Amino acid sequence: MAQPITTIQKYVPTKEEQNQQKLEDLKLLLAENEDSLNKILNIVSELNDTGVLEAANSMIQSKEKITKIALEQMNREPVTNIINHIMEAAGALSNVDPETTTKLINSVTKGIDEGNKHLEKDDKVGIFDLVKVLKDPDVNRAVGFGINFLKGMGKGLKE
C-alpha cells in the first residue's frame, strides 16, 4: 500500500524561468497587438521628426526652472488681478437668477441684430424720431430697463 502524502512541495520557478515566462508573455502580447504597436511607433517617429520629442525631453530636463518661471508669472500683480476679477464676477453671477441672465443675453442678441439692420439702412435719427420711438412698447421697455438698471447701479455704487 502507498504511503500517505504528508507534505506538499510548492513549485517555485527560478529567476531564469520567471524571466523566460515574462519574455514569452511579451512575445504573445506583441504578436496580438502588432497593428497598434506599429501605429504607436509611427506616431513617435513623426513626433521625433518634427522635434516635439526633443522639446518635450528638454522640458522634462528643465522642469524645475519651468515651474519656477510659471509660478513667478502667476504671482505678478496683473495676473492676480485677473484671477481676483474672475472670482468676483463668478460670485456676482452666482447671485443672479439663471433665467434672468438667459433672457438678458437673448435680448442683447436681438438688440444687436436690430442695430445691424439699422446700420445697413444708414438712416439718420432726429430728435422727433427719438420722441416718437418712445411710444413703441419695445423701445419703452428697453429704455425703462436701462434707466432702472442705471438707478440700481448708482445705489450699488453709493454703498
N, C-alpha and C. Protein backbone atom coordinates (compact mmCIF):
# COMPACT_ATOMS: atom_id res chain seq x y z
N MET A 1 0.82 -1.16 0.00
CA MET A 1 0.00 0.00 0.00
C MET A 1 0.88 1.25 0.00
N ALA A 2 0.36 2.34 -0.64
CA ALA A 2 1.15 3.57 -0.77
C ALA A 2 1.14 4.34 0.53
N GLN A 3 2.19 5.06 0.72
CA GLN A 3 2.31 5.89 1.92
C GLN A 3 1.49 7.16 1.75
N PRO A 4 0.84 7.66 2.78
CA PRO A 4 0.07 8.89 2.67
C PRO A 4 0.99 10.09 2.45
N ILE A 5 0.44 11.07 1.72
CA ILE A 5 1.20 12.30 1.46
C ILE A 5 1.11 13.16 2.71
N THR A 6 2.27 13.51 3.23
CA THR A 6 2.29 14.30 4.46
C THR A 6 2.75 15.72 4.20
N THR A 7 3.48 15.93 3.12
CA THR A 7 3.93 17.28 2.79
C THR A 7 3.64 17.56 1.32
N ILE A 8 3.33 18.83 1.05
CA ILE A 8 3.11 19.26 -0.34
C ILE A 8 4.22 20.24 -0.67
N GLN A 9 4.91 19.91 -1.73
CA GLN A 9 6.00 20.79 -2.15
C GLN A 9 5.48 21.73 -3.23
N LYS A 10 5.57 23.01 -2.95
CA LYS A 10 5.14 24.03 -3.90
C LYS A 10 6.27 24.28 -4.87
N TYR A 11 5.91 24.29 -6.16
CA TYR A 11 6.93 24.52 -7.18
C TYR A 11 7.17 26.03 -7.29
N VAL A 12 8.39 26.45 -7.05
CA VAL A 12 8.77 27.85 -7.16
C VAL A 12 9.74 27.96 -8.33
N PRO A 13 9.30 28.68 -9.40
CA PRO A 13 10.18 28.80 -10.56
C PRO A 13 11.42 29.64 -10.22
N THR A 14 12.50 29.31 -10.88
CA THR A 14 13.74 30.06 -10.67
C THR A 14 13.62 31.42 -11.33
N LYS A 15 14.55 32.29 -11.02
CA LYS A 15 14.56 33.63 -11.61
C LYS A 15 14.64 33.55 -13.12
N GLU A 16 15.46 32.63 -13.60
CA GLU A 16 15.62 32.45 -15.05
C GLU A 16 14.32 31.97 -15.69
N GLU A 17 13.61 31.07 -15.02
CA GLU A 17 12.34 30.57 -15.55
C GLU A 17 11.28 31.69 -15.54
N GLN A 18 11.31 32.51 -14.50
CA GLN A 18 10.37 33.65 -14.44
C GLN A 18 10.64 34.62 -15.59
N ASN A 19 11.92 34.91 -15.84
CA ASN A 19 12.28 35.81 -16.94
C ASN A 19 11.86 35.21 -18.28
N GLN A 20 12.05 33.91 -18.43
CA GLN A 20 11.68 33.23 -19.67
C GLN A 20 10.15 33.34 -19.88
N GLN A 21 9.38 33.15 -18.80
CA GLN A 21 7.92 33.24 -18.89
C GLN A 21 7.49 34.66 -19.25
N LYS A 22 8.15 35.65 -18.67
CA LYS A 22 7.84 37.04 -18.99
C LYS A 22 8.13 37.35 -20.46
N LEU A 23 9.24 36.81 -20.99
CA LEU A 23 9.56 37.01 -22.40
C LEU A 23 8.51 36.37 -23.30
N GLU A 24 8.05 35.19 -22.94
CA GLU A 24 7.01 34.51 -23.72
C GLU A 24 5.70 35.32 -23.69
N ASP A 25 5.35 35.84 -22.52
CA ASP A 25 4.14 36.66 -22.41
C ASP A 25 4.26 37.93 -23.26
N LEU A 26 5.44 38.53 -23.24
CA LEU A 26 5.68 39.73 -24.03
C LEU A 26 5.60 39.45 -25.53
N LYS A 27 6.18 38.33 -25.96
CA LYS A 27 6.11 37.94 -27.38
C LYS A 27 4.66 37.77 -27.81
N LEU A 28 3.87 37.11 -26.95
CA LEU A 28 2.46 36.89 -27.27
C LEU A 28 1.71 38.22 -27.35
N LEU A 29 1.99 39.13 -26.41
CA LEU A 29 1.36 40.45 -26.41
C LEU A 29 1.74 41.24 -27.65
N LEU A 30 3.01 41.19 -28.05
CA LEU A 30 3.46 41.88 -29.26
C LEU A 30 2.78 41.32 -30.50
N ALA A 31 2.65 40.00 -30.57
CA ALA A 31 2.03 39.37 -31.73
C ALA A 31 0.54 39.75 -31.82
N GLU A 32 -0.13 39.82 -30.68
CA GLU A 32 -1.56 40.12 -30.67
C GLU A 32 -1.85 41.60 -30.98
N ASN A 33 -0.91 42.48 -30.70
CA ASN A 33 -1.14 43.91 -30.86
C ASN A 33 -0.18 44.55 -31.86
N GLU A 34 0.18 43.82 -32.87
CA GLU A 34 1.15 44.31 -33.85
C GLU A 34 0.69 45.60 -34.52
N ASP A 35 -0.57 45.63 -34.94
CA ASP A 35 -1.08 46.80 -35.65
C ASP A 35 -1.05 48.05 -34.75
N SER A 36 -1.49 47.90 -33.51
CA SER A 36 -1.48 49.03 -32.58
C SER A 36 -0.06 49.51 -32.32
N LEU A 37 0.84 48.59 -32.13
CA LEU A 37 2.24 48.96 -31.87
C LEU A 37 2.86 49.68 -33.06
N ASN A 38 2.53 49.24 -34.27
CA ASN A 38 3.04 49.92 -35.47
C ASN A 38 2.53 51.36 -35.53
N LYS A 39 1.25 51.55 -35.17
CA LYS A 39 0.69 52.91 -35.17
C LYS A 39 1.39 53.78 -34.13
N ILE A 40 1.61 53.22 -32.95
CA ILE A 40 2.30 53.98 -31.90
C ILE A 40 3.70 54.35 -32.35
N LEU A 41 4.40 53.41 -32.95
CA LEU A 41 5.76 53.68 -33.41
C LEU A 41 5.77 54.74 -34.51
N ASN A 42 4.77 54.72 -35.38
CA ASN A 42 4.67 55.75 -36.42
C ASN A 42 4.43 57.13 -35.81
N ILE A 43 3.58 57.18 -34.80
CA ILE A 43 3.31 58.46 -34.12
C ILE A 43 4.59 58.97 -33.47
N VAL A 44 5.28 58.10 -32.76
CA VAL A 44 6.52 58.50 -32.09
C VAL A 44 7.55 58.96 -33.12
N SER A 45 7.61 58.28 -34.25
CA SER A 45 8.54 58.66 -35.31
C SER A 45 8.22 60.06 -35.85
N GLU A 46 6.93 60.34 -36.07
CA GLU A 46 6.52 61.66 -36.54
C GLU A 46 6.85 62.74 -35.51
N LEU A 47 6.59 62.43 -34.24
CA LEU A 47 6.91 63.39 -33.18
C LEU A 47 8.41 63.67 -33.13
N ASN A 48 9.19 62.64 -33.35
CA ASN A 48 10.65 62.80 -33.35
C ASN A 48 11.09 63.63 -34.56
N ASP A 49 10.51 63.35 -35.73
CA ASP A 49 10.88 64.08 -36.95
C ASP A 49 10.56 65.56 -36.86
N THR A 50 9.45 65.89 -36.17
CA THR A 50 9.06 67.30 -36.07
C THR A 50 9.74 68.01 -34.90
N GLY A 51 10.46 67.28 -34.08
CA GLY A 51 11.20 67.89 -32.98
C GLY A 51 10.41 67.99 -31.69
N VAL A 52 9.20 67.45 -31.68
CA VAL A 52 8.36 67.54 -30.49
C VAL A 52 8.96 66.71 -29.35
N LEU A 53 9.50 65.53 -29.68
CA LEU A 53 10.09 64.70 -28.63
C LEU A 53 11.29 65.39 -27.98
N GLU A 54 12.09 66.03 -28.80
CA GLU A 54 13.26 66.73 -28.26
C GLU A 54 12.82 67.89 -27.36
N ALA A 55 11.79 68.60 -27.78
CA ALA A 55 11.27 69.70 -26.97
C ALA A 55 10.71 69.18 -25.65
N ALA A 56 9.95 68.09 -25.72
CA ALA A 56 9.38 67.50 -24.52
C ALA A 56 10.48 67.02 -23.58
N ASN A 57 11.50 66.41 -24.14
CA ASN A 57 12.62 65.94 -23.33
C ASN A 57 13.32 67.12 -22.65
N SER A 58 13.52 68.19 -23.40
CA SER A 58 14.16 69.38 -22.82
C SER A 58 13.31 69.97 -21.70
N MET A 59 11.99 69.97 -21.90
CA MET A 59 11.10 70.49 -20.87
C MET A 59 11.17 69.63 -19.61
N ILE A 60 11.23 68.33 -19.80
CA ILE A 60 11.32 67.43 -18.64
C ILE A 60 12.63 67.66 -17.90
N GLN A 61 13.70 67.86 -18.65
CA GLN A 61 15.01 68.09 -18.02
C GLN A 61 15.02 69.41 -17.25
N SER A 62 14.23 70.39 -17.72
CA SER A 62 14.23 71.72 -17.10
C SER A 62 12.97 71.97 -16.28
N LYS A 63 12.35 70.93 -15.78
CA LYS A 63 11.04 71.09 -15.12
C LYS A 63 11.08 72.03 -13.93
N GLU A 64 12.17 72.02 -13.15
CA GLU A 64 12.22 72.93 -12.00
C GLU A 64 12.28 74.39 -12.46
N LYS A 65 13.08 74.66 -13.49
CA LYS A 65 13.19 76.03 -13.99
C LYS A 65 11.86 76.50 -14.56
N ILE A 66 11.20 75.63 -15.32
CA ILE A 66 9.91 75.99 -15.94
C ILE A 66 8.87 76.24 -14.85
N THR A 67 8.84 75.39 -13.85
CA THR A 67 7.89 75.57 -12.75
C THR A 67 8.13 76.88 -12.03
N LYS A 68 9.40 77.21 -11.80
CA LYS A 68 9.74 78.45 -11.11
C LYS A 68 9.28 79.66 -11.93
N ILE A 69 9.53 79.63 -13.24
CA ILE A 69 9.11 80.73 -14.11
C ILE A 69 7.58 80.86 -14.12
N ALA A 70 6.90 79.72 -14.23
CA ALA A 70 5.43 79.75 -14.26
C ALA A 70 4.87 80.33 -12.96
N LEU A 71 5.44 79.93 -11.83
CA LEU A 71 4.97 80.46 -10.55
C LEU A 71 5.25 81.96 -10.43
N GLU A 72 6.41 82.39 -10.91
CA GLU A 72 6.73 83.82 -10.88
C GLU A 72 5.74 84.60 -11.72
N GLN A 73 5.38 84.06 -12.90
CA GLN A 73 4.43 84.74 -13.77
C GLN A 73 3.03 84.79 -13.13
N MET A 74 2.65 83.71 -12.47
CA MET A 74 1.33 83.66 -11.83
C MET A 74 1.23 84.62 -10.65
N ASN A 75 2.36 84.94 -10.04
CA ASN A 75 2.36 85.82 -8.88
C ASN A 75 2.46 87.30 -9.25
N ARG A 76 2.57 87.61 -10.54
CA ARG A 76 2.62 89.01 -10.97
C ARG A 76 1.27 89.67 -10.68
N GLU A 77 1.30 90.95 -10.37
CA GLU A 77 0.09 91.68 -9.98
C GLU A 77 -1.01 91.64 -11.06
N PRO A 78 -0.69 91.84 -12.35
CA PRO A 78 -1.78 91.78 -13.34
C PRO A 78 -2.48 90.43 -13.37
N VAL A 79 -1.72 89.36 -13.20
CA VAL A 79 -2.32 88.02 -13.25
C VAL A 79 -3.20 87.81 -12.02
N THR A 80 -2.70 88.20 -10.85
CA THR A 80 -3.53 88.04 -9.65
C THR A 80 -4.76 88.93 -9.72
N ASN A 81 -4.64 90.11 -10.34
CA ASN A 81 -5.82 90.97 -10.52
C ASN A 81 -6.86 90.29 -11.40
N ILE A 82 -6.40 89.67 -12.48
CA ILE A 82 -7.34 88.97 -13.39
C ILE A 82 -8.04 87.85 -12.64
N ILE A 83 -7.28 87.08 -11.88
CA ILE A 83 -7.87 85.96 -11.12
C ILE A 83 -8.90 86.50 -10.13
N ASN A 84 -8.55 87.59 -9.45
CA ASN A 84 -9.50 88.18 -8.49
C ASN A 84 -10.75 88.69 -9.19
N HIS A 85 -10.59 89.31 -10.37
CA HIS A 85 -11.75 89.80 -11.12
C HIS A 85 -12.65 88.64 -11.54
N ILE A 86 -12.04 87.56 -12.00
CA ILE A 86 -12.84 86.41 -12.42
C ILE A 86 -13.60 85.83 -11.24
N MET A 87 -12.94 85.73 -10.10
CA MET A 87 -13.61 85.19 -8.91
C MET A 87 -14.75 86.09 -8.46
N GLU A 88 -14.53 87.41 -8.50
CA GLU A 88 -15.59 88.35 -8.11
C GLU A 88 -16.75 88.29 -9.09
N ALA A 89 -16.44 88.21 -10.39
CA ALA A 89 -17.50 88.14 -11.40
C ALA A 89 -18.30 86.85 -11.24
N ALA A 90 -17.61 85.75 -10.98
CA ALA A 90 -18.30 84.48 -10.77
C ALA A 90 -19.20 84.56 -9.54
N GLY A 91 -18.70 85.20 -8.48
CA GLY A 91 -19.52 85.36 -7.29
C GLY A 91 -20.74 86.22 -7.55
N ALA A 92 -20.57 87.29 -8.32
CA ALA A 92 -21.70 88.16 -8.64
C ALA A 92 -22.71 87.43 -9.52
N LEU A 93 -22.22 86.67 -10.49
CA LEU A 93 -23.13 85.94 -11.38
C LEU A 93 -23.88 84.85 -10.64
N SER A 94 -23.28 84.31 -9.59
CA SER A 94 -23.97 83.26 -8.84
C SER A 94 -25.17 83.82 -8.09
N ASN A 95 -25.20 85.13 -7.88
CA ASN A 95 -26.34 85.76 -7.21
C ASN A 95 -27.48 86.08 -8.16
N VAL A 96 -27.24 86.01 -9.47
CA VAL A 96 -28.24 86.36 -10.46
C VAL A 96 -28.99 85.09 -10.88
N ASP A 97 -30.29 85.23 -11.03
CA ASP A 97 -31.12 84.11 -11.47
C ASP A 97 -30.71 83.71 -12.89
N PRO A 98 -30.44 82.42 -13.14
CA PRO A 98 -30.01 81.99 -14.47
C PRO A 98 -31.02 82.30 -15.57
N GLU A 99 -32.30 82.24 -15.25
CA GLU A 99 -33.32 82.55 -16.26
C GLU A 99 -33.23 84.03 -16.66
N THR A 100 -32.97 84.88 -15.70
CA THR A 100 -32.83 86.31 -15.99
C THR A 100 -31.62 86.55 -16.87
N THR A 101 -30.52 85.87 -16.56
CA THR A 101 -29.30 86.02 -17.37
C THR A 101 -29.56 85.57 -18.80
N THR A 102 -30.22 84.43 -18.96
CA THR A 102 -30.52 83.93 -20.31
C THR A 102 -31.41 84.90 -21.06
N LYS A 103 -32.44 85.43 -20.38
CA LYS A 103 -33.35 86.39 -21.02
C LYS A 103 -32.59 87.65 -21.44
N LEU A 104 -31.69 88.12 -20.57
CA LEU A 104 -30.92 89.33 -20.88
C LEU A 104 -29.99 89.09 -22.06
N ILE A 105 -29.32 87.95 -22.09
CA ILE A 105 -28.40 87.65 -23.19
C ILE A 105 -29.16 87.52 -24.51
N ASN A 106 -30.31 86.86 -24.47
CA ASN A 106 -31.13 86.74 -25.68
C ASN A 106 -31.60 88.12 -26.15
N SER A 107 -31.94 88.98 -25.21
CA SER A 107 -32.39 90.33 -25.56
C SER A 107 -31.25 91.14 -26.19
N VAL A 108 -30.06 91.00 -25.63
CA VAL A 108 -28.90 91.69 -26.20
C VAL A 108 -28.65 91.20 -27.63
N THR A 109 -28.76 89.91 -27.85
CA THR A 109 -28.57 89.35 -29.20
C THR A 109 -29.58 89.93 -30.18
N LYS A 110 -30.84 89.98 -29.77
CA LYS A 110 -31.87 90.56 -30.64
C LYS A 110 -31.60 92.03 -30.88
N GLY A 111 -31.14 92.73 -29.84
CA GLY A 111 -30.82 94.15 -29.98
C GLY A 111 -29.68 94.37 -30.98
N ILE A 112 -28.68 93.51 -30.92
CA ILE A 112 -27.56 93.62 -31.87
C ILE A 112 -28.04 93.39 -33.29
N ASP A 113 -28.94 92.41 -33.46
CA ASP A 113 -29.49 92.15 -34.80
C ASP A 113 -30.24 93.37 -35.33
N GLU A 114 -31.08 93.95 -34.49
CA GLU A 114 -31.84 95.14 -34.91
C GLU A 114 -30.89 96.32 -35.19
N GLY A 115 -29.87 96.46 -34.35
CA GLY A 115 -28.89 97.53 -34.56
C GLY A 115 -28.16 97.36 -35.88
N ASN A 116 -27.82 96.14 -36.24
CA ASN A 116 -27.15 95.88 -37.52
C ASN A 116 -28.07 96.20 -38.70
N LYS A 117 -29.37 95.90 -38.54
CA LYS A 117 -30.32 96.25 -39.61
C LYS A 117 -30.35 97.76 -39.82
N HIS A 118 -30.33 98.51 -38.72
CA HIS A 118 -30.32 99.97 -38.82
C HIS A 118 -29.05 100.46 -39.52
N LEU A 119 -27.91 99.84 -39.19
CA LEU A 119 -26.64 100.26 -39.81
C LEU A 119 -26.65 100.01 -41.32
N GLU A 120 -27.34 98.97 -41.74
CA GLU A 120 -27.41 98.68 -43.18
C GLU A 120 -28.23 99.75 -43.91
N LYS A 121 -29.26 100.29 -43.25
CA LYS A 121 -30.11 101.31 -43.87
C LYS A 121 -29.40 102.67 -43.91
N ASP A 122 -28.55 102.92 -42.94
CA ASP A 122 -27.81 104.18 -42.83
C ASP A 122 -28.76 105.38 -42.71
N ASP A 123 -29.88 105.20 -41.97
CA ASP A 123 -30.82 106.30 -41.73
C ASP A 123 -30.31 107.17 -40.59
N LYS A 124 -30.65 108.48 -40.69
CA LYS A 124 -30.29 109.40 -39.61
C LYS A 124 -31.46 109.47 -38.64
N VAL A 125 -31.13 109.62 -37.35
CA VAL A 125 -32.15 109.71 -36.31
C VAL A 125 -32.19 111.13 -35.80
N GLY A 126 -33.36 111.71 -35.84
CA GLY A 126 -33.53 113.08 -35.35
C GLY A 126 -34.20 113.09 -33.98
N ILE A 127 -34.33 114.31 -33.43
CA ILE A 127 -34.91 114.48 -32.09
C ILE A 127 -36.37 114.03 -32.09
N PHE A 128 -37.12 114.38 -33.13
CA PHE A 128 -38.52 113.99 -33.18
C PHE A 128 -38.65 112.47 -33.31
N ASP A 129 -37.69 111.84 -34.00
CA ASP A 129 -37.69 110.38 -34.11
C ASP A 129 -37.52 109.74 -32.73
N LEU A 130 -36.67 110.34 -31.89
CA LEU A 130 -36.45 109.81 -30.54
C LEU A 130 -37.73 109.90 -29.71
N VAL A 131 -38.40 111.04 -29.78
CA VAL A 131 -39.64 111.22 -29.02
C VAL A 131 -40.70 110.25 -29.52
N LYS A 132 -40.80 110.11 -30.84
CA LYS A 132 -41.80 109.24 -31.44
C LYS A 132 -41.54 107.77 -31.11
N VAL A 133 -40.28 107.37 -31.10
CA VAL A 133 -39.94 105.97 -30.88
C VAL A 133 -40.17 105.55 -29.43
N LEU A 134 -40.23 106.51 -28.49
CA LEU A 134 -40.50 106.18 -27.10
C LEU A 134 -41.92 105.63 -26.90
N LYS A 135 -42.80 105.90 -27.87
CA LYS A 135 -44.15 105.34 -27.80
C LYS A 135 -44.19 103.87 -28.19
N ASP A 136 -43.13 103.39 -28.84
CA ASP A 136 -43.03 101.96 -29.19
C ASP A 136 -42.84 101.17 -27.89
N PRO A 137 -43.72 100.17 -27.62
CA PRO A 137 -43.64 99.44 -26.35
C PRO A 137 -42.28 98.72 -26.15
N ASP A 138 -41.69 98.22 -27.21
CA ASP A 138 -40.41 97.53 -27.08
C ASP A 138 -39.30 98.50 -26.68
N VAL A 139 -39.28 99.65 -27.34
CA VAL A 139 -38.27 100.66 -27.04
C VAL A 139 -38.49 101.19 -25.63
N ASN A 140 -39.75 101.46 -25.28
CA ASN A 140 -40.06 101.98 -23.96
C ASN A 140 -39.64 100.99 -22.87
N ARG A 141 -39.86 99.70 -23.12
CA ARG A 141 -39.46 98.67 -22.16
C ARG A 141 -37.94 98.66 -21.98
N ALA A 142 -37.20 98.76 -23.08
CA ALA A 142 -35.73 98.75 -23.01
C ALA A 142 -35.21 100.00 -22.33
N VAL A 143 -35.79 101.17 -22.65
CA VAL A 143 -35.36 102.42 -22.01
C VAL A 143 -35.66 102.38 -20.52
N GLY A 144 -36.85 101.88 -20.17
CA GLY A 144 -37.20 101.76 -18.75
C GLY A 144 -36.25 100.82 -18.02
N PHE A 145 -35.92 99.72 -18.67
CA PHE A 145 -34.96 98.77 -18.07
C PHE A 145 -33.62 99.47 -17.88
N GLY A 146 -33.17 100.20 -18.90
CA GLY A 146 -31.88 100.89 -18.82
C GLY A 146 -31.85 101.93 -17.72
N ILE A 147 -32.92 102.69 -17.61
CA ILE A 147 -32.99 103.74 -16.57
C ILE A 147 -32.95 103.10 -15.18
N ASN A 148 -33.76 102.06 -14.99
CA ASN A 148 -33.78 101.40 -13.68
C ASN A 148 -32.49 100.63 -13.41
N PHE A 149 -31.88 100.12 -14.44
CA PHE A 149 -30.57 99.47 -14.28
C PHE A 149 -29.55 100.49 -13.78
N LEU A 150 -29.53 101.68 -14.42
CA LEU A 150 -28.61 102.73 -14.00
C LEU A 150 -28.91 103.21 -12.59
N LYS A 151 -30.20 103.27 -12.23
CA LYS A 151 -30.59 103.68 -10.89
C LYS A 151 -30.08 102.67 -9.86
N GLY A 152 -30.26 101.39 -10.13
CA GLY A 152 -29.78 100.34 -9.23
C GLY A 152 -28.27 100.33 -9.15
N MET A 153 -27.62 100.56 -10.28
CA MET A 153 -26.16 100.61 -10.28
C MET A 153 -25.67 101.79 -9.45
N GLY A 154 -26.35 102.91 -9.55
CA GLY A 154 -25.98 104.08 -8.75
C GLY A 154 -26.14 103.81 -7.26
N LYS A 155 -27.21 103.10 -6.88
CA LYS A 155 -27.40 102.73 -5.48
C LYS A 155 -26.27 101.82 -5.03
N GLY A 156 -25.89 100.89 -5.88
CA GLY A 156 -24.81 99.97 -5.54
C GLY A 156 -23.48 100.69 -5.40
N LEU A 157 -23.26 101.69 -6.22
CA LEU A 157 -22.00 102.47 -6.14
C LEU A 157 -21.96 103.34 -4.89
N LYS A 158 -23.14 103.72 -4.40
CA LYS A 158 -23.21 104.58 -3.22
C LYS A 158 -22.81 103.80 -1.97
N GLU A 159 -23.10 102.50 -1.94
CA GLU A 159 -22.83 101.68 -0.75
C GLU A 159 -21.36 101.48 -0.54
